Each structure stands twice: as C-alpha cells, then as structure tokens.
C-alpha cells in the first residue's frame, strides 16, 4: 500500500530500529542513574514526611499536656480565691452581729417606753404617772458601717495566656540541600540497563522487527478524509471528517448510523466510559449525547463559548471541552453537566491556548491539547498548572489528532504540512519516536 489520497507511508520498522540505536545511551542513563536516584530521593522525602508527622504529633501532645497543667493551676487558684471570699464574708457578718443585737435591744426598750407613756398603769398611782413623764429617752446607739468589698477584675487576653504556654520553634538556619549522588560515567554497571547482554539484544530485536503491525483496515462510508476516531468498548467506531458527517461503523467497517454535525477537522466527539457518544454543536453551543438507544439529547450548553474539542475522562467521568470565543480560548471541565474548572491563564497571566482543536487526558490526569495556532501540544496538570509545551522536531509543527497510551506516552498526529507523521513523546515531554 504505497499511496492513499496523497498520504505517504513510512516504514515504522526502519524508524524504530534507528531510534533504538540513537536513544540507547539515554535509555541506559535514565534506567541506570536518573530513575533510581530520583526514586531514592523520593523515598527520602517520604521518610521526611513521616518524621515531620511524628514530630508534630508529639508537639501537639505537649501543647495539650501543658494546657491541662495550666487549667489545673487555674482551678487551684480559683478555689483559693473562693475560699478567701468565704472568709471575708464570715468576718463582715461577725462584725455586724453585735450591732444587730444592740438595735434589737434598743427597739425593745422603745416599745416598753411607749407602753408606759400611753398610760398603761393604774390611775390611782399618781406617783407612777409623774415618774414616767419625767424620764429622758435614751439616745440611739451609734454603730459603724462596714466597708463593703469589691472585685477588681484582672486584665488579660488570649495573647497573655498564650505567653504562659510554650512555643513552637523552627530553626532559622539555611535548609540543607539533599545530596544527589553524582553519575559515574566510567562505571558500566552504573549506566547499563537492567538485564543481561542477551536480554538487551532480544529487546533490540523486538523493537527492530515485528512490533508494529496492521490490526485491521476499512473504509469509512461517506467520510472522504477521516480526521478523528472515537471507539467504544465493543469496538464500534465513530469517525468524522471535514464535511460534518459523523458515522458509526461496526468493527468490520459496516455503517450503523450517520448524523450531520457542525464539526469539521476537530476532535469534536468522544465516547464516555458507559458507551455513550458526546459531540459538540458549535452553532447552538451545545454538548449533545447519543446514548446506546440512539436518541439524541442535549447534555449542557457552553454559553457564549464555541465548543471545538471534547474528551470524556476514563478516570473520573468528567468531560473536558476545548472552547473559543473571539480571540480567547480555554479548556473547561464539567461534572454531571456543571462547570467545575476553567483553564485559560498560566501563573504568569499568559494565555495557555489559542485554539485547542484536539484534547485528551493522560493516565496521570494531565490534560493534553493539540493547538495548531500555537504550533504546540500544550500539557497542563489536572489542577490546570502549565507543565510543558511540545513544539515538534521541525521548524513547522502542525499537530492534529492526539491521544495517550497505557504507559502515559502522548501520540501526536502531525499534519501534512509537517510531513504527515506520528510523533510519540513521554508524559514529561521527551521525544521518543518521530
């Protein structure tokens, strides 16, 4: 099969053989030094995390113990002050008791005097009447009024109380850098990939020879140039071209159904983990769904934004939509039809996308978008933080369709303006095959 509508076919067997030889040294270095060293540093970091958690748990226990001790002292001081209050009360009451007796006796005296003055004695007793009239009234006894106690509140605040407790001290000395062992360039054991020489030769033969083979090929009906594919669990394929036709076929290429869409040369459809098809409607600004009962329904709208590309996550079921409005572009994450994340600017305030025509998700949650206007594959983390932009190996780079494999590698279909090839990069942006 030499020609197909202007496409040129490359011999992947020869490409892979050449790449294995040129990349062999780097593979050895990664396997023999970089990867194990990074893994050791990662383990060291994990141990530091455990140690920090252990220390902080101990500090928290100390804070609680000290607080309990302080509470005990407060309770003891409170008891002493209450006892003192009781003693003062007893002293004042003891001081007032004799005064109460004095006035009680004086009142009794006055009541007897009134009785006599009102004539409560025999009329014949003329001497008694004159004696009563001549008596002087005793003066009111004088007593002293006690000084009443007051409570003087102490002035304190949370800061005052906090000063009674200990404090956490983090040394202000400069943090030590972790030791990274140097690469022993002269040591063959340091850079040699795991395995015997014979095993390495077998791996080389496995890469040079029949590792790439055609699984099946068929012509998609009514689609002149196939730009994008979505495959469900049963192997049925949804294929689209630049004419807006979206066609479903069985694994042998027989047409099952066809719908007319507003899509062109974008990745505007995707299959959900449950087997439903989602596709964009750029004109009505809708995301539509075709469930397995084949009845089209609207899932949600994208507002003023024109939906270009779409991807259904097989990690959590979220839907990622690449969109454009005027000269702005973004990727939005939806969950159950509700917008939960917008990715548009990096941490420097620069736009991340110009035109995200194809979009995919890697096994680590990274969002990978093919942006032809930027001539780059733009990769951001699940949180929306920029990770890297891959700009190809040639001056002109026009990425088109994009997907990821089970190893986290990113496969990029490069347009005819860039020689019509497939480039494979790692999840960190390193070129593997082009």
Protein backbone atom coordinates (compact mmCIF):
# COMPACT_ATOMS: atom_id res chain seq x y z
CA UNK A 1 0.00 0.00 0.00
CA UNK A 2 2.13 2.88 -1.33
CA UNK A 3 -0.34 5.72 -1.79
CA UNK A 4 -3.64 6.76 -0.22
CA UNK A 5 -5.22 10.05 -1.27
CA UNK A 6 -1.93 11.93 -1.24
CA UNK A 7 -0.60 10.37 2.01
CA UNK A 8 2.93 8.98 2.17
CA UNK A 9 3.52 5.84 4.22
CA UNK A 10 6.70 5.47 6.28
CA UNK A 11 8.30 2.18 7.28
CA UNK A 12 7.89 2.20 11.05
CA UNK A 13 10.17 -0.83 11.34
CA UNK A 14 13.14 1.12 9.99
CA UNK A 15 12.24 4.20 12.04
CA UNK A 16 12.07 2.23 15.27
CA UNK A 17 15.37 0.46 14.58
CA UNK A 18 17.21 3.72 14.06
CA UNK A 19 15.66 5.35 17.09
CA UNK A 20 16.61 2.44 19.34
CA UNK A 21 20.29 2.79 18.48
CA UNK A 22 20.38 6.60 18.87
CA UNK A 23 18.38 6.57 22.09
CA UNK A 24 20.18 3.61 23.65
CA UNK A 25 22.67 5.68 25.64
CA UNK A 26 19.95 7.94 27.05
CA UNK A 27 17.82 4.93 27.94
CA UNK A 28 20.78 3.46 29.81
CA UNK A 29 21.40 6.69 31.69
CA UNK A 30 17.73 7.02 32.66
CA UNK A 31 17.46 3.40 33.79
CA UNK A 32 20.89 3.18 35.43
CA UNK A 33 21.19 6.58 37.12
CA UNK A 34 18.40 9.14 36.84
CA UNK A 35 15.45 6.87 37.66
CA UNK A 36 16.97 5.02 40.67
CA UNK A 37 18.48 8.25 42.04
CA UNK A 38 15.15 10.03 41.77
CA UNK A 39 13.41 7.06 43.40
CA UNK A 40 15.90 7.16 46.31
CA UNK A 41 15.26 10.90 46.76
CA UNK A 42 11.52 10.26 46.65
CA UNK A 43 11.88 7.62 49.41
CA UNK A 44 13.98 10.07 51.44
CA UNK A 45 11.26 12.69 51.04
CA UNK A 46 8.61 10.20 52.14
CA UNK A 47 10.67 9.40 55.25
CA UNK A 48 10.92 13.13 55.99
CA UNK A 49 7.14 13.37 55.72
CA UNK A 50 6.73 10.54 58.24
CA UNK A 51 9.27 12.14 60.60
CA UNK A 52 7.55 15.54 60.39
CA UNK A 53 4.17 13.96 61.15
CA UNK A 54 5.67 12.09 64.13
CA UNK A 55 7.31 15.26 65.50
CA UNK A 56 4.19 17.38 65.04
CA UNK A 57 2.03 14.76 66.76
CA UNK A 58 4.44 14.87 69.70
CA UNK A 59 4.32 18.69 69.75
CA UNK A 60 0.52 18.66 69.71
CA UNK A 61 0.50 16.22 72.66
CA UNK A 62 2.90 18.51 74.56
CA UNK A 63 0.66 21.53 73.90
CA UNK A 64 -2.37 19.64 75.22
CA UNK A 65 -0.47 18.41 78.31
CA UNK A 66 0.77 21.92 79.08
CA UNK A 67 -2.74 23.31 78.64
CA UNK A 68 -4.13 20.72 81.05
CA UNK A 69 -1.44 21.69 83.57
CA UNK A 70 -2.36 25.36 83.17
CA UNK A 71 -6.05 24.54 83.60
CA UNK A 72 -5.20 22.67 86.83
CA UNK A 73 -3.35 25.71 88.16
CA UNK A 74 -6.27 27.96 87.21
CA UNK A 75 -8.69 25.64 89.02
CA UNK A 76 -6.44 25.63 92.12
CA UNK A 77 -6.10 29.43 92.14
CA UNK A 78 -9.87 29.77 91.67
CA UNK A 79 -10.54 27.52 94.67
CA UNK A 80 -8.20 29.59 96.83
CA UNK A 81 -9.88 32.84 95.81
CA UNK A 82 -13.34 31.42 96.55
CA UNK A 83 -12.15 30.31 99.99
CA UNK A 84 -10.78 33.81 100.63
CA UNK A 85 -14.15 35.27 99.63
CA UNK A 86 -15.85 33.00 102.16
CA UNK A 87 -13.52 34.17 104.93
CA UNK A 88 -14.17 37.84 104.17
CA UNK A 89 -17.90 37.21 104.24
CA UNK A 90 -17.69 35.48 107.64
CA UNK A 91 -15.61 38.35 109.07
CA UNK A 92 -18.07 41.01 107.91
CA UNK A 93 -21.07 39.09 109.19
CA UNK A 94 -19.33 38.59 112.55
CA UNK A 95 -18.73 42.36 112.71
CA UNK A 96 -22.43 43.12 112.06
CA UNK A 97 -23.86 40.55 114.51
CA UNK A 98 -23.35 42.66 117.74
CA UNK A 99 -24.81 45.72 116.01
CA UNK A 100 -27.89 43.72 115.12
CA UNK A 101 -28.23 42.69 118.83
CA UNK A 102 -27.76 46.29 120.02
CA UNK A 103 -30.55 47.60 117.82
CA UNK A 104 -32.81 44.73 118.74
CA UNK A 105 -32.46 45.58 122.45
CA UNK A 106 -32.92 49.31 121.84
CA UNK A 107 -36.14 48.70 119.87
CA UNK A 108 -37.46 46.61 122.78
CA UNK A 109 -36.66 49.48 125.17
CA UNK A 110 -38.58 51.95 122.98
CA UNK A 111 -41.60 49.69 122.80
CA UNK A 112 -41.73 49.46 126.62
CA UNK A 113 -41.37 53.22 126.91
CA UNK A 114 -44.32 53.75 124.57
CA UNK A 115 -46.39 51.42 126.67
CA UNK A 116 -45.67 53.42 129.79
CA UNK A 117 -46.22 56.79 128.16
CA UNK A 118 -49.62 55.75 126.87
CA UNK A 119 -50.79 55.35 130.46
CA UNK A 120 -50.71 51.67 130.86
CA UNK A 121 -50.57 51.87 134.70
CA UNK A 122 -53.22 52.41 137.49
CA UNK A 123 -54.90 55.88 137.68
CA UNK A 124 -54.54 55.90 141.47
CA UNK A 125 -50.86 55.63 141.07
CA UNK A 126 -50.20 59.31 140.70
CA UNK A 127 -46.55 58.87 141.53
CA UNK A 128 -46.01 56.41 138.64
CA UNK A 129 -47.51 58.82 136.05
CA UNK A 130 -45.30 61.68 137.12
CA UNK A 131 -42.25 59.40 137.07
CA UNK A 132 -42.97 58.21 133.52
CA UNK A 133 -43.43 61.75 132.28
CA UNK A 134 -40.13 62.85 133.77
CA UNK A 135 -37.99 60.06 132.08
CA UNK A 136 -35.39 61.03 129.40
CA UNK A 137 -35.38 58.94 126.23
CA UNK A 138 -32.13 57.07 125.70
CA UNK A 139 -30.23 58.14 122.61
CA UNK A 140 -30.00 55.79 119.58
CA UNK A 141 -26.88 53.70 119.87
CA UNK A 142 -24.17 54.54 117.32
CA UNK A 143 -22.57 51.79 115.26
CA UNK A 144 -20.12 51.64 112.37
CA UNK A 145 -20.98 50.67 108.81
CA UNK A 146 -18.63 48.00 107.40
CA UNK A 147 -16.55 48.62 104.30
CA UNK A 148 -18.18 46.54 101.56
CA UNK A 149 -15.76 44.53 99.39
CA UNK A 150 -15.42 44.90 95.60
CA UNK A 151 -13.93 42.61 92.98
CA UNK A 152 -11.15 44.03 90.86
CA UNK A 153 -11.01 42.21 87.53
CA UNK A 154 -7.64 41.22 86.19
CA UNK A 155 -6.72 42.41 82.71
CA UNK A 156 -5.67 39.57 80.45
CA UNK A 157 -6.09 38.44 76.82
CA UNK A 158 -5.52 35.39 74.69
CA UNK A 159 -2.01 36.63 73.99
CA UNK A 160 -1.29 36.91 77.73
CA UNK A 161 -2.49 33.37 78.26
CA UNK A 162 -0.57 32.20 75.20
CA UNK A 163 2.65 33.57 76.69
CA UNK A 164 2.17 31.26 79.66
CA UNK A 165 2.41 28.31 77.28
CA UNK A 166 5.43 27.13 75.36
CA UNK A 167 6.03 27.91 71.67
CA UNK A 168 6.98 26.01 68.52
CA UNK A 169 10.44 26.91 67.31
CA UNK A 170 11.55 26.23 63.73
CA UNK A 171 15.31 26.72 63.33
CA UNK A 172 16.10 29.72 61.14
CA UNK A 173 19.27 28.19 59.75
CA UNK A 174 19.51 27.68 56.00
CA UNK A 175 17.97 24.40 54.86
CA UNK A 176 20.41 21.76 53.71
CA UNK A 177 20.21 20.58 50.12
CA UNK A 178 19.54 16.92 49.60
CA UNK A 179 22.59 15.02 48.45
CA UNK A 180 22.32 13.83 44.86
CA UNK A 181 24.88 11.21 44.13
CA UNK A 182 26.93 12.01 41.01
CA UNK A 183 26.62 9.91 37.88
CA UNK A 184 29.59 7.60 37.48
CA UNK A 185 30.18 7.99 33.77
CA UNK A 186 33.04 5.49 33.73
CA UNK A 187 31.11 2.79 35.54
CA UNK A 188 29.47 0.38 33.14
CA UNK A 189 27.31 -1.05 35.91
CA UNK A 190 26.01 2.41 36.70
CA UNK A 191 24.67 3.13 33.23
CA UNK A 192 23.81 -0.33 31.99
CA UNK A 193 20.07 -1.06 31.79
CA UNK A 194 18.77 -3.92 33.87
CA UNK A 195 19.24 -7.29 32.17
CA UNK A 196 21.96 -9.36 30.54
CA UNK A 197 23.51 -8.56 27.19
CA UNK A 198 21.45 -11.30 25.61
CA UNK A 199 18.27 -9.85 27.07
CA UNK A 200 19.21 -6.42 25.71
CA UNK A 201 19.79 -7.87 22.26
CA UNK A 202 16.40 -9.57 22.42
CA UNK A 203 14.81 -6.26 23.33
CA UNK A 204 16.57 -4.58 20.42
CA UNK A 205 15.37 -7.30 18.04
CA UNK A 206 11.84 -6.95 19.45
CA UNK A 207 11.87 -3.24 18.67
CA UNK A 208 13.53 -3.58 15.26
CA UNK A 209 11.24 -6.30 13.99
CA UNK A 210 7.51 -7.03 14.03
CA UNK A 211 6.37 -4.71 16.83
CA UNK A 212 4.15 -2.63 14.54
CA UNK A 213 1.53 -4.46 12.56
CA UNK A 214 -1.76 -3.62 10.97
CA UNK A 215 -4.67 -4.81 13.08
CA UNK A 216 -7.40 -4.04 10.60
CA UNK A 217 -8.22 -1.52 7.90
CA UNK A 218 -11.52 -0.49 6.36
CA UNK A 219 -13.05 2.41 4.50
CA UNK A 220 -15.45 4.60 6.45
CA UNK A 221 -18.58 5.22 4.37
CA UNK A 222 -19.46 8.83 3.38
CA UNK A 223 -16.33 10.20 5.06
CA UNK A 224 -13.77 11.31 2.49
CA UNK A 225 -10.89 12.15 4.86
CA UNK A 226 -11.04 10.70 8.35
CA UNK A 227 -9.81 13.28 10.88
CA UNK A 228 -10.88 11.81 14.20
CA UNK A 229 -11.96 8.49 15.71
CA UNK A 230 -13.77 7.51 18.88
CA UNK A 231 -14.05 3.83 19.80
CA UNK A 232 -16.40 2.25 22.34
CA UNK A 233 -15.84 -0.89 24.41
CA UNK A 234 -17.44 -3.17 21.82
CA UNK A 235 -15.05 -1.98 19.11
CA UNK A 236 -17.59 0.12 17.23
CA UNK A 237 -16.03 3.22 15.73
CA UNK A 238 -17.29 6.78 15.39
CA UNK A 239 -15.42 8.56 12.58
CA UNK A 240 -15.62 12.15 11.36
CA UNK A 241 -14.20 14.22 8.51
CA UNK A 242 -14.24 17.86 7.49
CA UNK A 243 -17.70 17.67 5.92
CA UNK A 244 -19.59 17.37 9.20
CA UNK A 245 -20.54 13.72 8.72
CA UNK A 246 -20.23 11.66 11.92
CA UNK A 247 -20.52 7.96 11.12
CA UNK A 248 -20.65 4.90 13.33
CA UNK A 249 -19.42 1.58 11.98
CA UNK A 250 -19.06 -1.92 13.32
CA UNK A 251 -15.54 -3.42 13.66
CA UNK A 252 -15.69 -4.53 10.01
CA UNK A 253 -16.50 -1.04 8.72
CA UNK A 254 -20.20 -1.52 8.05
CA UNK A 255 -22.18 1.68 8.60
CA UNK A 256 -24.53 1.58 11.59
CA UNK A 257 -25.70 5.19 11.69
CA UNK A 258 -24.81 8.65 10.43
CA UNK A 259 -25.59 12.12 11.71
CA UNK A 260 -24.86 15.54 10.30
CA UNK A 261 -22.94 17.85 12.66
CA UNK A 262 -21.35 21.29 12.63
CA UNK A 263 -17.91 19.77 13.21
CA UNK A 264 -15.00 19.92 10.80
CA UNK A 265 -11.37 18.97 11.36
CA UNK A 266 -11.53 18.99 15.16
CA UNK A 267 -11.75 16.29 17.80
CA UNK A 268 -15.38 17.17 18.43
CA UNK A 269 -16.65 13.79 19.65
CA UNK A 270 -15.80 11.31 22.39
CA UNK A 271 -17.16 8.10 23.91
CA UNK A 272 -17.92 8.00 27.64
CA UNK A 273 -16.95 5.08 29.90
CA UNK A 274 -20.58 3.90 29.72
CA UNK A 275 -20.51 3.79 25.89
CA UNK A 276 -22.48 6.97 25.13
CA UNK A 277 -21.27 9.35 22.43
CA UNK A 278 -20.80 13.04 23.24
CA UNK A 279 -20.28 15.58 20.46
CA UNK A 280 -20.16 19.35 20.18
CA UNK A 281 -22.59 21.62 18.34
CA UNK A 282 -20.62 24.77 17.52
CA UNK A 283 -23.64 26.63 16.17
CA UNK A 284 -26.06 26.05 19.06
CA UNK A 285 -23.24 25.98 21.65
CA UNK A 286 -24.45 22.60 22.93
CA UNK A 287 -22.89 19.35 24.04
CA UNK A 288 -25.12 16.58 22.73
CA UNK A 289 -25.32 12.93 23.68
CA UNK A 290 -26.24 9.84 21.73
CA UNK A 291 -26.84 7.05 24.24
CA UNK A 292 -26.95 3.45 23.19
CA UNK A 293 -30.67 3.79 22.41
CA UNK A 294 -29.61 6.27 19.67
CA UNK A 295 -31.90 9.11 20.76
CA UNK A 296 -30.00 12.39 20.58
CA UNK A 297 -30.34 14.63 23.64
CA UNK A 298 -28.72 17.85 24.86
CA UNK A 299 -26.48 17.42 27.90
CA UNK A 300 -25.48 21.02 28.63
CA UNK A 301 -24.76 24.37 26.95
CA UNK A 302 -21.43 26.20 26.75
CA UNK A 303 -22.84 29.73 26.88
CA UNK A 304 -21.08 32.25 24.62
CA UNK A 305 -18.18 29.92 24.02
CA UNK A 306 -17.84 27.88 20.82
CA UNK A 307 -17.05 24.25 21.71
CA UNK A 308 -14.25 22.91 19.50
CA UNK A 309 -12.99 19.68 21.06
CA UNK A 310 -14.20 17.29 23.72
CA UNK A 311 -12.88 14.39 25.78
CA UNK A 312 -14.65 12.15 28.30
CA UNK A 313 -12.36 11.15 31.16
CA UNK A 314 -11.99 7.44 31.77
CA UNK A 315 -10.51 8.29 35.18
CA UNK A 316 -13.46 10.05 36.82
CA UNK A 317 -16.12 10.57 34.12
CA UNK A 318 -15.51 14.35 33.89
CA UNK A 319 -15.94 16.00 30.49
CA UNK A 320 -13.19 18.28 29.15
CA UNK A 321 -14.20 20.79 26.46
CA UNK A 322 -11.82 22.97 24.44
CA UNK A 323 -13.58 26.23 23.59
CA UNK A 324 -13.03 29.55 21.84
CA UNK A 325 -14.66 32.98 21.95
CA UNK A 326 -13.35 35.78 19.72
CA UNK A 327 -9.57 35.56 20.29
CA UNK A 328 -9.85 33.86 23.67
CA UNK A 329 -9.59 30.13 24.26
CA UNK A 330 -9.85 27.81 27.25
CA UNK A 331 -10.43 24.26 28.41
CA UNK A 332 -13.35 23.73 30.79
CA UNK A 333 -14.02 20.72 32.98
CA UNK A 334 -17.63 19.64 33.55
CA UNK A 335 -19.02 17.15 36.06
CA UNK A 336 -22.60 15.97 35.56
CA UNK A 337 -23.14 18.91 33.19
CA UNK A 338 -21.92 21.51 35.70
CA UNK A 339 -18.84 23.64 35.09
CA UNK A 340 -16.25 22.99 37.82
CA UNK A 341 -12.94 24.23 36.34
CA UNK A 342 -11.67 26.72 33.75
CA UNK A 343 -8.12 26.54 32.41
CA UNK A 344 -7.20 29.68 30.50
CA UNK A 345 -4.20 31.53 32.00
CA UNK A 346 -0.91 30.33 33.45
CA UNK A 347 0.54 31.57 36.74
CA UNK A 348 2.18 34.48 34.88
CA UNK A 349 -1.11 35.70 33.44
CA UNK A 350 -0.30 34.46 29.92
CA UNK A 351 -2.89 32.68 27.77
CA UNK A 352 -2.37 28.93 27.62
CA UNK A 353 -4.35 28.22 24.45
CA UNK A 354 -5.13 29.83 21.10
CA UNK A 355 -7.23 27.10 19.54
CA UNK A 356 -7.43 23.71 21.33
CA UNK A 357 -8.74 21.63 18.41
CA UNK A 358 -7.96 18.23 19.91
CA UNK A 359 -7.87 17.24 23.56
CA UNK A 360 -7.05 14.15 25.59
CA UNK A 361 -6.27 13.11 29.16
CA UNK A 362 -3.22 11.16 30.31
CA UNK A 363 -3.13 8.39 32.92
CA UNK A 364 -1.70 10.83 35.50
CA UNK A 365 -4.58 13.27 34.99
CA UNK A 366 -2.63 15.69 32.76
CA UNK A 367 -4.71 17.47 30.12
CA UNK A 368 -3.08 17.35 26.68
CA UNK A 369 -4.33 19.71 23.96
CA UNK A 370 -3.26 19.99 20.35
CA UNK A 371 -3.15 23.70 19.42
CA UNK A 372 -2.34 24.27 15.74
CA UNK A 373 -2.33 28.07 16.05
CA UNK A 374 0.34 27.86 18.74
CA UNK A 375 2.04 25.07 16.77
CA UNK A 376 2.35 23.17 20.02
CA UNK A 377 0.97 20.38 22.13
CA UNK A 378 0.12 22.06 25.43
CA UNK A 379 0.13 19.92 28.58
CA UNK A 380 -1.23 21.11 31.93
CA UNK A 381 -1.74 19.25 35.19
CA UNK A 382 -5.14 18.17 36.48
CA UNK A 383 -5.13 21.34 38.60
CA UNK A 384 -4.63 23.47 35.47
CA UNK A 385 -0.96 24.36 36.07
CA UNK A 386 1.25 24.53 32.96
CA UNK A 387 3.65 21.59 32.68
CA UNK A 388 5.22 21.95 29.25
CA UNK A 389 4.60 22.73 25.58
CA UNK A 390 5.98 20.40 22.91
CA UNK A 391 6.76 22.16 19.61
CA UNK A 392 7.93 19.29 17.46
CA UNK A 393 11.24 18.48 15.81
CA UNK A 394 10.86 20.62 12.68
CA UNK A 395 10.56 24.41 12.19
CA UNK A 396 6.96 23.95 11.05
CA UNK A 397 4.90 21.92 13.51
CA UNK A 398 1.18 21.40 12.93
CA UNK A 399 -0.18 18.95 15.50
CA UNK A 400 -3.58 17.43 14.83
CA UNK A 401 -5.14 14.39 16.49
CA UNK A 402 -3.78 13.46 19.90
CA UNK A 403 -4.19 10.53 22.30
CA UNK A 404 -2.30 8.75 25.09
CA UNK A 405 -1.42 5.11 25.67
CA UNK A 406 -1.46 2.89 28.75
CA UNK A 407 2.14 3.88 29.56
CA UNK A 408 1.35 7.59 29.66
CA UNK A 409 3.05 8.35 26.34
CA UNK A 410 1.46 11.00 24.13
CA UNK A 411 0.85 10.14 20.47
CA UNK A 412 0.58 13.12 18.11
CA UNK A 413 -0.63 13.00 14.54
CA UNK A 414 1.27 15.71 12.69
CA UNK A 415 -0.40 17.33 9.66
CA UNK A 416 0.76 17.06 6.05
CA UNK A 417 2.43 20.48 6.33
CA UNK A 418 4.80 18.77 8.77
CA UNK A 419 5.39 15.64 6.64
CA UNK A 420 2.31 13.77 7.90
CA UNK A 421 3.93 11.66 10.64
CA UNK A 422 3.10 10.38 14.12
CA UNK A 423 5.34 11.60 16.94
CA UNK A 424 5.45 9.98 20.36
CA UNK A 425 6.62 11.83 23.46
CA UNK A 426 6.76 10.82 27.09
CA UNK A 427 4.33 12.22 29.68
CA UNK A 428 7.11 14.68 30.59
CA UNK A 429 7.61 15.95 27.03
CA UNK A 430 10.68 13.97 25.93
CA UNK A 431 10.69 12.80 22.32
CA UNK A 432 10.54 9.02 21.93
CA UNK A 433 9.66 8.43 18.28
CA UNK A 434 9.11 10.80 15.36
